[in-house]
Amino acid sequence: MIQTLDALFNGETLVPEVPLNLKSGTRVRIIVESLSPDNKPTQKSFLQTAKSLKLQGQPDWSENLDQYLYGENISENA
C-alpha cells in the first residue's frame, strides 16, 4: 500500500500532518523530498473562505434568514 503524506521535521523526528492508516510496528520505506515554502498549504480563516466564495445576496440575509431559506413570511408567523 502506498500513502503520500506531508510531514514536519522537528529536528529529531518526522511528524505526519495527518494520522497514518498503519498498525503499530509496521515497517515502512520513507523517501524524503523537501517542499519549498511556496508548496506549503496555507490555512485560510473562515472569513477568507467566505469572501472567496463571492456569494451574492440581499443585505438583510442575517435578519430574514428563514424567509430566504424557507419562504416563510416572518410577519405572518408572529
N, C-alpha and C. Protein backbone atom coordinates (compact mmCIF):
# COMPACT_ATOMS: atom_id res chain seq x y z
N MET A 1 0.84 -1.18 0.00
CA MET A 1 0.00 0.00 0.00
C MET A 1 0.89 1.24 0.00
N ILE A 2 0.57 2.20 -0.85
CA ILE A 2 1.33 3.45 -0.92
C ILE A 2 0.46 4.58 -0.40
N GLN A 3 1.03 5.37 0.49
CA GLN A 3 0.37 6.57 1.01
C GLN A 3 1.31 7.74 0.77
N THR A 4 0.78 8.84 0.34
CA THR A 4 1.55 10.07 0.21
C THR A 4 1.06 11.01 1.29
N LEU A 5 2.00 11.60 2.03
CA LEU A 5 1.61 12.49 3.11
C LEU A 5 2.66 13.57 3.28
N ASP A 6 2.28 14.64 3.92
CA ASP A 6 3.21 15.70 4.29
C ASP A 6 3.54 15.53 5.76
N ALA A 7 4.77 15.86 6.11
CA ALA A 7 5.22 15.75 7.50
C ALA A 7 6.12 16.93 7.80
N LEU A 8 6.31 17.18 9.08
CA LEU A 8 7.18 18.25 9.54
C LEU A 8 8.34 17.62 10.30
N PHE A 9 9.56 18.02 9.98
CA PHE A 9 10.74 17.54 10.70
C PHE A 9 10.98 18.49 11.85
N ASN A 10 10.93 18.00 13.09
CA ASN A 10 11.05 18.87 14.26
C ASN A 10 12.48 18.92 14.80
N GLY A 11 13.43 18.44 14.02
CA GLY A 11 14.82 18.43 14.45
C GLY A 11 15.29 17.05 14.85
N GLU A 12 14.35 16.18 15.19
CA GLU A 12 14.69 14.81 15.57
C GLU A 12 13.85 13.77 14.85
N THR A 13 12.58 14.06 14.66
CA THR A 13 11.69 13.07 14.04
C THR A 13 10.82 13.73 12.99
N LEU A 14 10.26 12.89 12.12
CA LEU A 14 9.27 13.35 11.15
C LEU A 14 7.89 13.18 11.78
N VAL A 15 7.11 14.24 11.78
CA VAL A 15 5.77 14.21 12.38
C VAL A 15 4.75 14.37 11.26
N PRO A 16 3.96 13.31 10.97
CA PRO A 16 2.96 13.42 9.91
C PRO A 16 1.91 14.48 10.24
N GLU A 17 1.43 15.16 9.20
CA GLU A 17 0.40 16.18 9.39
C GLU A 17 -0.99 15.55 9.53
N VAL A 18 -1.14 14.31 9.13
CA VAL A 18 -2.40 13.58 9.27
C VAL A 18 -2.10 12.20 9.84
N PRO A 19 -3.08 11.57 10.51
CA PRO A 19 -2.86 10.23 11.03
C PRO A 19 -2.59 9.23 9.89
N LEU A 20 -1.73 8.25 10.17
CA LEU A 20 -1.43 7.22 9.17
C LEU A 20 -2.34 6.02 9.36
N ASN A 21 -2.70 5.40 8.27
CA ASN A 21 -3.54 4.21 8.31
C ASN A 21 -2.64 2.98 8.40
N LEU A 22 -1.88 2.87 9.50
CA LEU A 22 -0.94 1.77 9.70
C LEU A 22 -1.07 1.22 11.11
N LYS A 23 -0.83 -0.08 11.23
CA LYS A 23 -0.79 -0.69 12.55
C LYS A 23 0.55 -0.37 13.19
N SER A 24 0.57 -0.27 14.51
CA SER A 24 1.80 -0.03 15.24
C SER A 24 2.78 -1.15 14.95
N GLY A 25 4.04 -0.80 14.70
CA GLY A 25 5.08 -1.79 14.41
C GLY A 25 5.23 -2.13 12.94
N THR A 26 4.41 -1.51 12.07
CA THR A 26 4.52 -1.77 10.63
C THR A 26 5.80 -1.14 10.09
N ARG A 27 6.57 -1.94 9.35
CA ARG A 27 7.78 -1.41 8.72
C ARG A 27 7.39 -0.66 7.45
N VAL A 28 8.02 0.48 7.22
CA VAL A 28 7.72 1.31 6.05
C VAL A 28 9.02 1.77 5.41
N ARG A 29 8.95 2.20 4.18
CA ARG A 29 10.08 2.82 3.49
C ARG A 29 9.71 4.28 3.29
N ILE A 30 10.61 5.17 3.66
CA ILE A 30 10.36 6.60 3.57
C ILE A 30 11.31 7.20 2.54
N ILE A 31 10.76 7.92 1.60
CA ILE A 31 11.55 8.70 0.64
C ILE A 31 11.29 10.15 0.97
N VAL A 32 12.34 10.90 1.28
CA VAL A 32 12.19 12.28 1.73
C VAL A 32 12.40 13.24 0.56
N GLU A 33 11.44 14.13 0.37
CA GLU A 33 11.51 15.20 -0.63
C GLU A 33 11.16 16.49 0.07
N SER A 34 12.09 17.43 0.10
CA SER A 34 11.83 18.71 0.75
C SER A 34 10.84 19.52 -0.06
N LEU A 35 9.90 20.13 0.62
CA LEU A 35 8.93 21.00 -0.03
C LEU A 35 9.38 22.44 0.15
N SER A 36 9.31 23.21 -0.91
CA SER A 36 9.65 24.62 -0.78
C SER A 36 8.53 25.31 -0.01
N PRO A 37 8.83 26.42 0.64
CA PRO A 37 7.80 27.14 1.40
C PRO A 37 6.58 27.50 0.56
N ASP A 38 6.77 27.67 -0.76
CA ASP A 38 5.64 28.02 -1.62
C ASP A 38 4.65 26.87 -1.73
N ASN A 39 5.10 25.63 -1.55
CA ASN A 39 4.21 24.47 -1.68
C ASN A 39 3.49 24.14 -0.38
N LYS A 40 3.84 24.82 0.69
CA LYS A 40 3.22 24.54 1.98
C LYS A 40 1.76 25.01 1.94
N PRO A 41 0.83 24.09 2.24
CA PRO A 41 -0.57 24.52 2.23
C PRO A 41 -0.82 25.54 3.34
N THR A 42 -1.53 26.58 3.00
CA THR A 42 -1.83 27.61 3.99
C THR A 42 -3.28 27.47 4.41
N GLN A 43 -3.53 27.67 5.68
CA GLN A 43 -4.89 27.61 6.19
C GLN A 43 -5.52 28.98 6.07
N LYS A 44 -6.75 28.99 5.59
CA LYS A 44 -7.49 30.25 5.49
C LYS A 44 -8.44 30.35 6.67
N SER A 45 -8.68 31.57 7.07
CA SER A 45 -9.68 31.80 8.11
C SER A 45 -11.07 31.60 7.51
N PHE A 46 -12.07 31.46 8.36
CA PHE A 46 -13.44 31.34 7.88
C PHE A 46 -13.82 32.54 7.02
N LEU A 47 -13.44 33.73 7.47
CA LEU A 47 -13.79 34.95 6.74
C LEU A 47 -13.14 34.95 5.36
N GLN A 48 -11.87 34.53 5.26
CA GLN A 48 -11.20 34.47 3.96
C GLN A 48 -11.92 33.48 3.04
N THR A 49 -12.31 32.34 3.58
CA THR A 49 -13.01 31.34 2.78
C THR A 49 -14.36 31.88 2.32
N ALA A 50 -15.10 32.50 3.23
CA ALA A 50 -16.41 33.05 2.88
C ALA A 50 -16.28 34.12 1.80
N LYS A 51 -15.29 34.99 1.93
CA LYS A 51 -15.09 36.04 0.92
C LYS A 51 -14.73 35.45 -0.43
N SER A 52 -13.94 34.35 -0.43
CA SER A 52 -13.50 33.76 -1.69
C SER A 52 -14.67 33.13 -2.46
N LEU A 53 -15.78 32.82 -1.77
CA LEU A 53 -16.94 32.24 -2.43
C LEU A 53 -17.70 33.27 -3.27
N LYS A 54 -17.49 34.55 -2.97
CA LYS A 54 -18.11 35.66 -3.71
C LYS A 54 -19.62 35.46 -3.83
N LEU A 55 -20.26 35.18 -2.69
CA LEU A 55 -21.70 34.98 -2.68
C LEU A 55 -22.42 36.29 -2.92
N GLN A 56 -23.51 36.22 -3.64
CA GLN A 56 -24.34 37.39 -3.91
C GLN A 56 -25.64 37.22 -3.14
N GLY A 57 -26.14 38.27 -2.54
CA GLY A 57 -27.41 38.15 -1.82
C GLY A 57 -27.88 39.48 -1.30
N GLN A 58 -29.04 39.42 -0.66
CA GLN A 58 -29.65 40.61 -0.10
C GLN A 58 -28.86 41.08 1.12
N PRO A 59 -28.82 42.38 1.38
CA PRO A 59 -28.07 42.90 2.52
C PRO A 59 -28.68 42.51 3.87
N ASP A 60 -29.93 42.05 3.88
CA ASP A 60 -30.57 41.69 5.15
C ASP A 60 -30.66 40.17 5.36
N TRP A 61 -29.74 39.41 4.79
CA TRP A 61 -29.74 37.95 4.93
C TRP A 61 -29.85 37.52 6.38
N SER A 62 -29.00 38.07 7.23
CA SER A 62 -28.97 37.61 8.62
C SER A 62 -30.27 37.95 9.36
N GLU A 63 -30.94 39.01 8.97
CA GLU A 63 -32.18 39.40 9.64
C GLU A 63 -33.37 38.58 9.18
N ASN A 64 -33.37 38.14 7.93
CA ASN A 64 -34.52 37.44 7.36
C ASN A 64 -34.12 36.07 6.80
N LEU A 65 -33.25 35.37 7.50
CA LEU A 65 -32.72 34.10 7.01
C LEU A 65 -33.82 33.09 6.73
N ASP A 66 -34.77 32.91 7.66
CA ASP A 66 -35.85 31.94 7.45
C ASP A 66 -36.66 32.25 6.21
N GLN A 67 -36.92 33.51 5.99
CA GLN A 67 -37.70 33.90 4.81
C GLN A 67 -36.96 33.53 3.53
N TYR A 68 -35.65 33.77 3.48
CA TYR A 68 -34.89 33.45 2.28
C TYR A 68 -34.69 31.95 2.11
N LEU A 69 -34.52 31.21 3.21
CA LEU A 69 -34.31 29.77 3.11
C LEU A 69 -35.59 29.00 2.87
N TYR A 70 -36.66 29.36 3.58
CA TYR A 70 -37.87 28.56 3.56
C TYR A 70 -39.08 29.27 2.95
N GLY A 71 -38.92 30.53 2.58
CA GLY A 71 -40.03 31.28 2.00
C GLY A 71 -41.07 31.68 3.01
N GLU A 72 -40.72 31.62 4.29
CA GLU A 72 -41.66 31.97 5.34
C GLU A 72 -41.72 33.49 5.49
N ASN A 73 -42.90 34.00 5.65
CA ASN A 73 -43.06 35.42 5.93
C ASN A 73 -43.08 35.58 7.43
N ILE A 74 -42.11 36.26 7.95
CA ILE A 74 -41.94 36.39 9.39
C ILE A 74 -43.14 37.08 10.03
N SER A 75 -43.72 38.07 9.39
CA SER A 75 -44.83 38.80 9.98
C SER A 75 -46.07 37.92 10.08
N GLU A 76 -46.25 36.93 9.22
CA GLU A 76 -47.40 36.02 9.28
C GLU A 76 -47.28 35.07 10.46
N ASN A 77 -46.04 34.68 10.84
CA ASN A 77 -45.82 33.72 11.91
C ASN A 77 -45.84 34.38 13.28
N ALA A 78 -45.74 35.69 13.34
CA ALA A 78 -45.66 36.38 14.64
C ALA A 78 -47.03 36.59 15.24
